[in-house]
Amino acid sequence: MSLTRIVVLPFDTAYKLSRSTTRALGYRRVALIGVGVGVGFLVAPVSGADLRRRVRDEIGRRRAGTEPSVEERVRQHLQQAPRTWHLPQPEVVAVAAPEGPGWEVVLAGEVADVSSRRDLELAAASVTGVLRVDNRLRVSGASPAPADA
């Protein structure tokens, strides 16, 4: 096989593949797929640099054979969950649960409203290994709840 053939082969293959894909799907559909990918990159909740750093860290962690801590898993889940990624992220502390093998997670910080507080609590509780969530999130701008008489 000649050097020219080795250099040209990948480009020739890519051209034939793109041409057959365009022929099978049509120009409009291929253009719409491209527009969809572009819009997806524009509205992504994290930047490309952050995503590459996370992937690199995860690959390194798996190669080293270490598991992320419960706190790291809860933080990551809160950053990625559809109902909580856009909220201010709380401080997360994990403490061994007294009632068995598992963890009690303490959430601390401030949120804008009661529904955000509840969404963060539910998302943290859904992480594997979390038995209980101590929700110490304060609702900013809200008046304190009346005391029971």
C-alpha atoms as a PDB file:
ATOM      1  CA  MET A   1       0.000   0.000   0.000  1.00  0.00           C
ATOM      2  CA  SER A   2       1.483   3.326  -1.009  1.00  0.00           C
ATOM      3  CA  LEU A   3       1.905   6.329   1.277  1.00  0.00           C
ATOM      4  CA  THR A   4      -0.540   8.327  -0.849  1.00  0.00           C
ATOM      5  CA  ARG A   5      -3.181   5.635  -0.422  1.00  0.00           C
ATOM      6  CA  ILE A   6      -2.658   5.579   3.364  1.00  0.00           C
ATOM      7  CA  VAL A   7      -3.058   9.360   3.591  1.00  0.00           C
ATOM      8  CA  VAL A   8      -6.057   9.576   1.231  1.00  0.00           C
ATOM      9  CA  LEU A   9      -7.976   6.522   2.537  1.00  0.00           C
ATOM     10  CA  PRO A  10      -9.474   8.158   5.684  1.00  0.00           C
ATOM     11  CA  PHE A  11     -10.666  11.211   3.725  1.00  0.00           C
ATOM     12  CA  ASP A  12     -12.076   9.053   0.938  1.00  0.00           C
ATOM     13  CA  THR A  13     -13.929   6.875   3.440  1.00  0.00           C
ATOM     14  CA  ALA A  14     -15.351   9.905   5.257  1.00  0.00           C
ATOM     15  CA  TYR A  15     -16.508  11.431   1.961  1.00  0.00           C
ATOM     16  CA  LYS A  16     -18.242   8.225   0.854  1.00  0.00           C
ATOM     17  CA  LEU A  17     -19.858   7.775   4.262  1.00  0.00           C
ATOM     18  CA  SER A  18     -21.157  11.355   4.393  1.00  0.00           C
ATOM     19  CA  ARG A  19     -22.409  11.118   0.819  1.00  0.00           C
ATOM     20  CA  SER A  20     -24.285   7.853   1.460  1.00  0.00           C
ATOM     21  CA  THR A  21     -25.733   9.241   4.717  1.00  0.00           C
ATOM     22  CA  THR A  22     -26.898  12.393   2.960  1.00  0.00           C
ATOM     23  CA  ARG A  23     -28.410  10.341   0.163  1.00  0.00           C
ATOM     24  CA  ALA A  24     -30.236   8.061   2.631  1.00  0.00           C
ATOM     25  CA  LEU A  25     -31.529  10.819   4.938  1.00  0.00           C
ATOM     26  CA  GLY A  26     -31.757  13.800   2.658  1.00  0.00           C
ATOM     27  CA  TYR A  27     -30.096  17.187   2.889  1.00  0.00           C
ATOM     28  CA  ARG A  28     -32.785  18.719   5.117  1.00  0.00           C
ATOM     29  CA  ARG A  29     -32.572  16.014   7.762  1.00  0.00           C
ATOM     30  CA  VAL A  30     -28.782  16.100   7.839  1.00  0.00           C
ATOM     31  CA  ALA A  31     -28.918  19.915   8.187  1.00  0.00           C
ATOM     32  CA  LEU A  32     -31.507  19.655  10.982  1.00  0.00           C
ATOM     33  CA  ILE A  33     -29.333  17.133  12.840  1.00  0.00           C
ATOM     34  CA  GLY A  34     -26.418  19.562  12.579  1.00  0.00           C
ATOM     35  CA  VAL A  35     -28.560  22.455  13.835  1.00  0.00           C
ATOM     36  CA  GLY A  36     -29.800  20.297  16.727  1.00  0.00           C
ATOM     37  CA  VAL A  37     -26.260  19.411  17.763  1.00  0.00           C
ATOM     38  CA  GLY A  38     -25.268  23.096  17.587  1.00  0.00           C
ATOM     39  CA  VAL A  39     -28.221  24.198  19.726  1.00  0.00           C
ATOM     40  CA  GLY A  40     -27.450  21.413  22.199  1.00  0.00           C
ATOM     41  CA  PHE A  41     -23.929  22.746  22.632  1.00  0.00           C
ATOM     42  CA  LEU A  42     -25.254  26.277  23.156  1.00  0.00           C
ATOM     43  CA  VAL A  43     -27.749  25.363  25.896  1.00  0.00           C
ATOM     44  CA  ALA A  44     -25.602  22.762  27.683  1.00  0.00           C
ATOM     45  CA  PRO A  45     -25.618  23.322  31.474  1.00  0.00           C
ATOM     46  CA  VAL A  46     -21.809  23.016  31.716  1.00  0.00           C
ATOM     47  CA  SER A  47     -18.987  24.281  29.578  1.00  0.00           C
ATOM     48  CA  GLY A  48     -16.922  21.971  27.424  1.00  0.00           C
ATOM     49  CA  ALA A  49     -13.846  22.545  29.595  1.00  0.00           C
ATOM     50  CA  ASP A  50     -15.751  21.472  32.730  1.00  0.00           C
ATOM     51  CA  LEU A  51     -17.099  18.407  30.981  1.00  0.00           C
ATOM     52  CA  ARG A  52     -13.637  17.396  29.733  1.00  0.00           C
ATOM     53  CA  ARG A  53     -12.218  17.880  33.260  1.00  0.00           C
ATOM     54  CA  ARG A  54     -14.967  15.697  34.759  1.00  0.00           C
ATOM     55  CA  VAL A  55     -14.397  12.960  32.173  1.00  0.00           C
ATOM     56  CA  ARG A  56     -10.637  13.078  32.755  1.00  0.00           C
ATOM     57  CA  ASP A  57     -11.144  12.885  36.544  1.00  0.00           C
ATOM     58  CA  GLU A  58     -13.569   9.974  36.206  1.00  0.00           C
ATOM     59  CA  ILE A  59     -11.194   8.046  33.926  1.00  0.00           C
ATOM     60  CA  GLY A  60      -8.335   8.635  36.377  1.00  0.00           C
ATOM     61  CA  ARG A  61     -10.482   7.541  39.308  1.00  0.00           C
ATOM     62  CA  ARG A  62     -11.535   4.333  37.544  1.00  0.00           C
ATOM     63  CA  ARG A  63      -7.952   3.527  36.546  1.00  0.00           C
ATOM     64  CA  ALA A  64      -6.856   4.051  40.164  1.00  0.00           C
ATOM     65  CA  GLY A  65      -9.735   1.861  41.364  1.00  0.00           C
ATOM     66  CA  THR A  66     -11.115   4.421  43.806  1.00  0.00           C
ATOM     67  CA  GLU A  67     -14.800   5.089  44.322  1.00  0.00           C
ATOM     68  CA  PRO A  68     -16.073   8.646  44.742  1.00  0.00           C
ATOM     69  CA  SER A  69     -17.226   9.509  48.254  1.00  0.00           C
ATOM     70  CA  VAL A  70     -20.908   9.844  49.084  1.00  0.00           C
ATOM     71  CA  GLU A  71     -20.476  13.612  49.298  1.00  0.00           C
ATOM     72  CA  GLU A  72     -18.987  13.720  45.791  1.00  0.00           C
ATOM     73  CA  ARG A  73     -21.765  11.513  44.412  1.00  0.00           C
ATOM     74  CA  VAL A  74     -24.471  13.694  45.995  1.00  0.00           C
ATOM     75  CA  ARG A  75     -22.838  16.896  44.702  1.00  0.00           C
ATOM     76  CA  GLN A  76     -22.534  15.417  41.220  1.00  0.00           C
ATOM     77  CA  HIS A  77     -26.150  14.225  41.248  1.00  0.00           C
ATOM     78  CA  LEU A  78     -27.410  17.653  42.376  1.00  0.00           C
ATOM     79  CA  GLN A  79     -25.423  19.294  39.557  1.00  0.00           C
ATOM     80  CA  GLN A  80     -26.862  16.927  36.938  1.00  0.00           C
ATOM     81  CA  ALA A  81     -30.446  16.277  38.074  1.00  0.00           C
ATOM     82  CA  PRO A  82     -33.013  17.973  35.805  1.00  0.00           C
ATOM     83  CA  ARG A  83     -34.792  19.689  38.697  1.00  0.00           C
ATOM     84  CA  THR A  84     -31.673  20.910  40.554  1.00  0.00           C
ATOM     85  CA  TRP A  85     -28.782  21.638  38.146  1.00  0.00           C
ATOM     86  CA  HIS A  86     -29.820  25.287  37.765  1.00  0.00           C
ATOM     87  CA  LEU A  87     -30.227  25.942  41.507  1.00  0.00           C
ATOM     88  CA  PRO A  88     -27.509  27.312  43.793  1.00  0.00           C
ATOM     89  CA  GLN A  89     -25.651  24.222  44.950  1.00  0.00           C
ATOM     90  CA  PRO A  90     -25.679  23.631  48.717  1.00  0.00           C
ATOM     91  CA  GLU A  91     -22.879  22.500  50.983  1.00  0.00           C
ATOM     92  CA  VAL A  92     -22.989  18.711  51.355  1.00  0.00           C
ATOM     93  CA  VAL A  93     -21.669  16.769  54.350  1.00  0.00           C
ATOM     94  CA  ALA A  94     -22.086  13.009  54.761  1.00  0.00           C
ATOM     95  CA  VAL A  95     -22.154  11.389  58.198  1.00  0.00           C
ATOM     96  CA  ALA A  96     -22.452   7.672  58.914  1.00  0.00           C
ATOM     97  CA  ALA A  97     -26.086   6.920  59.687  1.00  0.00           C
ATOM     98  CA  PRO A  98     -26.673   5.611  63.220  1.00  0.00           C
ATOM     99  CA  GLU A  99     -29.406   3.166  62.185  1.00  0.00           C
ATOM    100  CA  GLY A 100     -27.441   1.026  59.768  1.00  0.00           C
ATOM    101  CA  PRO A 101     -25.036   0.761  56.866  1.00  0.00           C
ATOM    102  CA  GLY A 102     -25.542   3.955  54.963  1.00  0.00           C
ATOM    103  CA  TRP A 103     -25.146   7.682  55.163  1.00  0.00           C
ATOM    104  CA  GLU A 104     -26.998  10.689  56.498  1.00  0.00           C
ATOM    105  CA  VAL A 105     -26.467  13.692  54.253  1.00  0.00           C
ATOM    106  CA  VAL A 106     -26.627  17.244  55.617  1.00  0.00           C
ATOM    107  CA  LEU A 107     -27.537  19.991  53.127  1.00  0.00           C
ATOM    108  CA  ALA A 108     -26.718  23.576  54.150  1.00  0.00           C
ATOM    109  CA  GLY A 109     -26.998  26.892  52.363  1.00  0.00           C
ATOM    110  CA  GLU A 110     -29.631  29.212  50.938  1.00  0.00           C
ATOM    111  CA  VAL A 111     -32.296  28.679  48.288  1.00  0.00           C
ATOM    112  CA  ALA A 112     -34.812  31.019  46.693  1.00  0.00           C
ATOM    113  CA  ASP A 113     -38.040  29.187  47.517  1.00  0.00           C
ATOM    114  CA  VAL A 114     -39.576  26.224  49.298  1.00  0.00           C
ATOM    115  CA  SER A 115     -39.968  24.105  46.149  1.00  0.00           C
ATOM    116  CA  SER A 116     -36.218  24.423  45.401  1.00  0.00           C
ATOM    117  CA  ARG A 117     -35.492  23.320  48.959  1.00  0.00           C
ATOM    118  CA  ARG A 118     -37.704  20.263  48.537  1.00  0.00           C
ATOM    119  CA  ASP A 119     -36.246  19.409  45.079  1.00  0.00           C
ATOM    120  CA  LEU A 120     -32.686  19.462  46.459  1.00  0.00           C
ATOM    121  CA  GLU A 121     -33.719  17.245  49.374  1.00  0.00           C
ATOM    122  CA  LEU A 122     -35.442  14.691  47.116  1.00  0.00           C
ATOM    123  CA  ALA A 123     -32.517  14.608  44.688  1.00  0.00           C
ATOM    124  CA  ALA A 124     -30.018  14.035  47.512  1.00  0.00           C
ATOM    125  CA  ALA A 125     -32.193  11.278  48.985  1.00  0.00           C
ATOM    126  CA  SER A 126     -32.248   9.426  45.661  1.00  0.00           C
ATOM    127  CA  VAL A 127     -28.478   8.794  45.652  1.00  0.00           C
ATOM    128  CA  THR A 128     -27.499   5.191  46.387  1.00  0.00           C
ATOM    129  CA  GLY A 129     -26.276   4.743  49.967  1.00  0.00           C
ATOM    130  CA  VAL A 130     -28.116   7.767  51.401  1.00  0.00           C
ATOM    131  CA  LEU A 131     -30.520   6.699  54.155  1.00  0.00           C
ATOM    132  CA  ARG A 132     -31.622  10.107  55.402  1.00  0.00           C
ATOM    133  CA  VAL A 133     -31.278  13.784  54.470  1.00  0.00           C
ATOM    134  CA  ASP A 134     -30.991  16.501  57.124  1.00  0.00           C
ATOM    135  CA  ASN A 135     -32.222  19.527  55.187  1.00  0.00           C
ATOM    136  CA  ARG A 136     -30.773  22.689  56.753  1.00  0.00           C
ATOM    137  CA  LEU A 137     -31.345  24.838  53.672  1.00  0.00           C
ATOM    138  CA  ARG A 138     -32.695  28.319  54.455  1.00  0.00           C
ATOM    139  CA  VAL A 139     -35.257  29.960  52.213  1.00  0.00           C
ATOM    140  CA  SER A 140     -34.030  33.499  51.497  1.00  0.00           C
ATOM    141  CA  GLY A 141     -36.529  36.312  51.872  1.00  0.00           C
ATOM    142  CA  ALA A 142     -39.137  34.128  53.526  1.00  0.00           C
ATOM    143  CA  SER A 143     -40.587  34.905  56.907  1.00  0.00           C
ATOM    144  CA  PRO A 144     -39.953  32.279  59.586  1.00  0.00           C
ATOM    145  CA  ALA A 145     -42.662  29.718  60.147  1.00  0.00           C
ATOM    146  CA  PRO A 146     -45.010  30.526  63.042  1.00  0.00           C
ATOM    147  CA  ALA A 147     -44.373  28.590  66.229  1.00  0.00           C
ATOM    148  CA  ASP A 148     -46.986  26.056  67.298  1.00  0.00           C
ATOM    149  CA  ALA A 149     -48.998  27.280  70.232  1.00  0.00           C
END
